[in-house]
Protein backbone atom coordinates (compact mmCIF):
# COMPACT_ATOMS: atom_id res chain seq x y z
CA MET A 1 11.83 40.79 6.21
CA ASN A 2 9.32 42.62 8.34
CA LEU A 3 7.17 40.78 10.87
CA PRO A 4 3.69 41.21 9.26
CA LEU A 5 4.95 39.92 5.90
CA ALA A 6 6.60 36.93 7.58
CA ARG A 7 3.34 36.10 9.41
CA LEU A 8 1.39 36.36 6.17
CA LEU A 9 3.80 34.02 4.39
CA LEU A 10 3.66 31.59 7.30
CA CYS A 11 -0.15 31.61 7.24
CA LEU A 12 -0.20 31.04 3.48
CA ALA A 13 2.23 28.14 3.84
CA ALA A 14 0.09 26.59 6.58
CA LEU A 15 -3.07 26.96 4.49
CA SER A 16 -1.44 25.35 1.48
CA LEU A 17 -0.32 22.41 3.64
CA LEU A 18 -3.85 22.00 4.99
CA ALA A 19 -5.26 22.11 1.47
CA ALA A 20 -2.84 19.38 0.38
CA CYS A 21 -3.84 17.04 3.22
CA PRO A 22 -6.76 14.69 2.57
CA THR A 23 -9.85 15.54 4.54
CA VAL A 24 -11.19 13.03 7.02
CA ASP A 25 -14.85 12.20 6.73
CA ARG A 26 -15.95 11.25 10.23
CA ALA A 27 -18.89 9.26 8.86
CA ARG A 28 -16.47 7.04 6.95
CA THR A 29 -13.92 6.54 9.71
CA GLY A 30 -16.03 6.49 12.88
CA ALA A 31 -16.51 3.34 14.92
CA GLU A 32 -20.28 3.40 14.37
CA ALA A 33 -21.79 2.86 10.94
CA PRO A 34 -23.09 6.06 9.36
CA ARG A 35 -26.80 6.81 9.33
CA VAL A 36 -28.53 5.99 6.09
CA ASP A 37 -31.34 7.74 4.24
CA ILE A 38 -33.49 5.54 2.03
CA SER A 39 -36.34 8.00 1.54
CA THR A 40 -35.59 8.53 -2.18
CA PRO A 41 -33.81 6.42 -4.80
CA GLN A 42 -30.97 8.94 -4.99
CA GLN A 43 -30.48 9.02 -1.21
CA ALA A 44 -30.63 5.22 -1.07
CA VAL A 45 -27.84 4.81 -3.65
CA GLU A 46 -25.72 7.45 -1.91
CA SER A 47 -26.27 5.67 1.43
CA TYR A 48 -25.33 2.36 -0.24
CA TRP A 49 -22.04 3.94 -1.34
CA LEU A 50 -21.48 5.51 2.08
CA LEU A 51 -21.83 2.15 3.85
CA LEU A 52 -19.51 0.41 1.37
CA ASP A 53 -16.87 3.11 1.82
CA TRP A 54 -17.25 3.05 5.61
CA TYR A 55 -16.92 -0.74 5.65
CA ARG A 56 -13.81 -0.64 3.42
CA THR A 57 -12.18 1.96 5.67
CA ARG A 58 -13.03 0.10 8.90
CA ALA A 59 -11.96 -3.31 7.55
CA THR A 60 -8.65 -1.88 6.34
CA ALA A 61 -8.02 -0.19 9.70
CA ALA A 62 -8.86 -3.41 11.58
CA GLN A 63 -6.40 -5.37 9.44
CA ARG A 64 -3.59 -2.86 9.92
CA ARG A 65 -4.06 -2.31 13.66
CA PRO A 66 -6.39 -4.95 15.11
CA GLN A 67 -5.65 -3.99 18.71
CA GLN A 68 -6.78 -0.38 18.13
CA ASN A 69 -9.66 -0.84 15.67
CA PRO A 70 -12.70 -3.02 16.22
CA VAL A 71 -13.70 -5.33 13.41
CA PRO A 72 -16.69 -3.89 11.50
CA PRO A 73 -19.99 -5.79 11.48
CA GLN A 74 -20.55 -8.55 8.95
CA LEU A 75 -21.14 -7.05 5.51
CA PRO A 76 -24.53 -8.71 4.81
CA GLN A 77 -25.97 -7.42 8.11
CA LEU A 78 -24.59 -3.94 7.47
CA MET A 79 -25.87 -3.75 3.88
CA ALA A 80 -29.37 -4.98 4.84
CA ALA A 81 -30.17 -1.36 5.68
CA VAL A 82 -29.74 -0.29 2.03
CA ALA A 83 -29.90 -3.46 -0.09
CA THR A 84 -32.38 -6.24 -0.81
CA GLY A 85 -32.82 -9.21 -3.11
CA GLU A 86 -29.89 -10.26 -5.32
CA ALA A 87 -27.75 -7.31 -4.26
CA LEU A 88 -28.03 -8.18 -0.58
CA ALA A 89 -27.50 -11.91 -1.21
CA SER A 90 -24.30 -11.14 -3.13
CA PHE A 91 -22.67 -9.69 -0.01
CA ALA A 92 -22.75 -13.16 1.60
CA GLU A 93 -20.70 -14.50 -1.33
CA ARG A 94 -18.41 -11.60 -2.18
CA THR A 95 -16.95 -8.88 -0.02
CA ALA A 96 -16.82 -5.21 -0.88
CA THR A 97 -13.99 -3.96 -3.05
CA THR A 98 -10.87 -2.63 -1.40
CA ASP A 99 -10.52 -0.04 -4.17
CA ARG A 100 -11.25 3.61 -3.51
CA LEU A 101 -13.97 4.66 -5.94
CA GLU A 102 -15.26 8.01 -7.10
CA ARG A 103 -18.92 7.79 -8.01
CA ARG A 104 -21.10 10.30 -9.80
CA LEU A 105 -24.86 10.01 -10.27
CA GLU A 106 -26.00 10.53 -13.86
CA THR A 107 -29.74 9.81 -13.89
CA VAL A 108 -32.48 8.89 -11.46
CA ALA A 109 -35.69 7.53 -12.96
CA GLU A 110 -38.66 6.22 -11.03
CA GLN A 111 -40.22 3.62 -13.33
CA SER A 112 -43.17 2.96 -11.03
CA GLU A 113 -44.22 3.50 -7.43
CA SER A 114 -42.12 0.55 -6.38
CA GLN A 115 -39.14 0.51 -8.79
CA ALA A 116 -36.48 3.03 -9.80
CA VAL A 117 -33.27 2.95 -11.84
CA VAL A 118 -30.20 5.03 -11.03
CA THR A 119 -27.22 5.24 -13.38
CA ALA A 120 -23.79 6.33 -12.24
CA ARG A 121 -20.23 6.67 -13.48
CA VAL A 122 -17.58 5.02 -11.37
CA LYS A 123 -13.88 5.77 -11.43
CA ASN A 124 -11.24 3.75 -9.58
CA LEU A 125 -9.00 6.08 -7.55
CA THR A 126 -6.75 3.33 -6.20
CA THR A 127 -3.20 3.77 -7.40
CA ASP A 128 -1.07 0.78 -8.23
CA PRO A 129 2.46 1.29 -6.87
CA ALA A 130 3.79 -1.13 -9.50
CA THR A 131 2.66 1.20 -12.28
CA VAL A 132 5.30 3.83 -12.90
CA LEU A 133 3.63 5.72 -15.72
CA PRO A 134 -0.04 5.58 -16.72
CA THR A 135 -0.85 4.42 -20.23
CA PRO A 136 -2.43 6.91 -22.67
CA VAL A 137 -5.78 5.19 -22.12
CA GLU A 138 -5.46 5.60 -18.34
CA LEU A 139 -4.62 9.26 -18.79
CA PHE A 140 -7.73 10.03 -20.82
CA ASP A 141 -10.24 7.51 -19.50
CA ASP A 142 -11.99 9.46 -16.77
CA ALA A 143 -14.42 6.69 -15.84
CA ALA A 144 -13.79 3.09 -14.97
CA GLY A 145 -17.34 2.18 -15.81
CA ARG A 146 -21.01 2.87 -15.87
CA LEU A 147 -23.31 1.15 -13.40
CA ARG A 148 -27.09 0.82 -13.27
CA TYR A 149 -28.71 0.37 -9.87
CA VAL A 150 -32.21 -1.12 -9.79
CA LEU A 151 -34.03 -0.11 -6.62
CA ARG A 152 -37.21 -1.46 -5.09
CA LYS A 153 -39.40 0.34 -2.63
CA GLU A 154 -40.00 -1.66 0.53
CA ALA A 155 -41.97 -0.82 3.65
CA ASP A 156 -39.07 1.14 5.18
CA GLY A 157 -37.89 2.87 1.97
CA TRP A 158 -35.90 2.42 -1.24
CA LYS A 159 -33.25 -0.30 -1.39
CA VAL A 160 -30.75 -1.42 -4.02
CA ALA A 161 -31.96 -4.76 -5.47
CA GLU A 162 -29.56 -5.24 -8.41
CA VAL A 163 -26.36 -3.64 -9.69
CA TRP A 164 -25.41 -3.92 -13.37
CA ARG A 165 -22.27 -2.96 -15.28
CA THR A 166 -23.65 -1.48 -18.52
CA ASP A 167 -20.59 -0.48 -20.54
CA GLU A 168 -19.13 -3.89 -21.33
CA PRO A 169 -18.67 -5.03 -24.94
CA ASP A 170 -20.81 -8.15 -24.43
CA GLY A 171 -23.69 -6.15 -22.96
CA PRO A 172 -24.89 -5.50 -19.42
CA ARG A 173 -23.58 -7.82 -16.70
CA ARG A 174 -24.94 -8.10 -13.17
CA VAL A 175 -22.25 -7.35 -10.59
CA ARG A 176 -24.46 -7.51 -7.49
């Protein structure tokens, strides 16, 4: 094999390995909490998700290697930047999920100057090592659920006040 072809194949192999590796989002893994943007309802919900994901990553790292990773701040204090009312109070009672979630915004509707509703689809990306083969439902169900976020505008910006699961058979159920 000639040298240029060998280099090309080596480069292609390296690129395919890099593509297969998960990317590291510095905002989610850094020691400091990521900056939030609560200037619009959409940005507020995305910042809410970003803080939850950052907290999950930091808490997991602190559990695995406590000597190398500082414990993240208390969840209610962290979420006060993006949550208010019932949603914020719920963080004192329940912690954030340890599941990795994929979230996709569907609609953003400002109902008034001080209230907005954001709907999103949420899919659980956490794999269960005990499950060998997914069921047919798991194969074709691309969303774990549909959530509705009720936001209120406060002096410093939009904040998540309530979170509802809207696709349950018995009707909507508040989750935060």
